[in-house]
Protein backbone atom coordinates (compact mmCIF):
# COMPACT_ATOMS: atom_id res chain seq x y z
CA MET A 1 -3.30 14.33 18.46
CA SER A 2 -2.22 13.79 15.06
CA ASP A 3 -0.43 16.65 12.26
CA GLY A 4 -1.57 14.19 9.20
CA ARG A 5 2.69 13.25 8.77
CA MET A 6 2.69 9.13 8.75
CA VAL A 7 5.13 9.02 11.42
CA TYR A 8 6.97 5.86 13.09
CA LYS A 9 8.71 6.24 16.40
CA GLY A 10 9.01 9.60 15.33
CA GLU A 11 10.56 8.26 11.96
CA ASP A 12 8.75 10.09 9.34
CA ILE A 13 7.83 6.86 7.12
CA ALA A 14 6.11 8.77 4.43
CA LEU A 15 8.93 8.20 2.02
CA ASP A 16 8.40 4.35 2.25
CA ILE A 17 4.68 4.34 1.82
CA MET A 18 4.71 5.96 -1.55
CA MET A 19 7.43 4.05 -3.37
CA THR A 20 6.06 0.79 -1.33
CA THR A 21 2.63 1.94 -2.72
CA GLU A 22 3.96 3.04 -6.15
CA ARG A 23 5.78 -0.81 -5.99
CA VAL A 24 2.12 -2.50 -5.38
CA VAL A 25 -0.25 -0.59 -7.99
CA GLN A 26 2.59 -1.69 -10.65
CA ILE A 27 2.51 -5.25 -9.59
CA ILE A 28 -1.73 -5.38 -9.83
CA ALA A 29 -1.24 -3.52 -12.84
CA THR A 30 0.90 -6.41 -14.21
CA GLU A 31 -0.86 -9.54 -12.68
CA HIS A 32 -4.45 -8.06 -14.08
CA GLY A 33 -3.70 -6.20 -16.76
CA LEU A 34 -4.49 -3.04 -15.58
CA THR A 35 -3.51 0.18 -16.04
CA PHE A 36 -1.82 2.25 -13.45
CA ASP A 37 -4.85 4.85 -12.62
CA ALA A 38 -7.49 1.46 -12.63
CA ALA A 39 -4.88 -0.85 -10.27
CA SER A 40 -3.99 2.66 -7.89
CA ALA A 41 -7.83 2.84 -8.02
CA SER A 42 -8.15 -0.75 -7.15
CA PHE A 43 -5.37 -0.71 -4.35
CA ALA A 44 -6.98 2.22 -2.57
CA SER A 45 -10.72 0.81 -1.91
CA SER A 46 -8.55 -2.53 -0.56
CA ARG A 47 -8.15 -3.75 3.62
CA ALA A 48 -4.50 -4.12 2.11
CA TYR A 49 -3.70 -0.05 1.61
CA ALA A 50 -6.38 1.07 4.62
CA ALA A 51 -3.86 -1.46 6.41
CA LEU A 52 -0.87 0.34 4.67
CA ALA A 53 -1.89 4.05 6.19
CA ARG A 54 -2.35 3.35 9.97
CA THR A 55 1.54 2.99 10.67
CA ASN A 56 0.80 0.87 13.87
CA THR A 57 -0.34 -1.89 11.91
CA LEU A 58 3.30 -2.01 10.42
CA MET A 59 2.44 -2.93 6.69
CA TRP A 60 4.56 -0.51 5.54
CA ALA A 61 7.50 -1.90 6.91
CA GLU A 62 6.16 -5.89 4.76
CA SER A 63 7.59 -5.93 1.09
CA ALA A 64 5.51 -4.58 -2.17
CA GLU A 65 5.35 -8.42 -3.16
CA TYR A 66 3.50 -9.29 0.28
CA ILE A 67 0.91 -6.16 0.86
CA ALA A 68 -0.17 -7.05 -3.43
CA ASP A 69 -0.72 -11.19 -2.25
CA CYS A 70 -2.79 -9.63 0.42
CA CYS A 71 -4.69 -7.62 -2.30
CA PHE A 72 -4.94 -10.27 -4.63
CA GLU A 73 -5.99 -13.17 -1.42
CA GLU A 74 -9.28 -9.86 -0.90
CA VAL A 75 -10.04 -10.20 -5.22
CA PRO A 76 -9.24 -12.94 -6.64
C-alpha cells in the first residue's frame, strides 16, 4: 500500500521531481511567453506530467529539457 510518498527503490525522490517540475515549467514559460502560473497549469494537464508523477515510468530521471520537449510534442 502506498503512503503517498514518491519513492523509487526505497529512496525518496520527491525533491528531485519537484526541482525537475520547476525547471520544466520555467522552460515552458520562456518558450511560450507565459507566466509561471499559466505554464504550470499547462504542464499539470499534460501526459508528460502524468508520467513524471508515476515514479515507475522513470520520467523523473530524464532532463527537464527532455520532459519539456515531450510537452511541446503534445501541444505545439
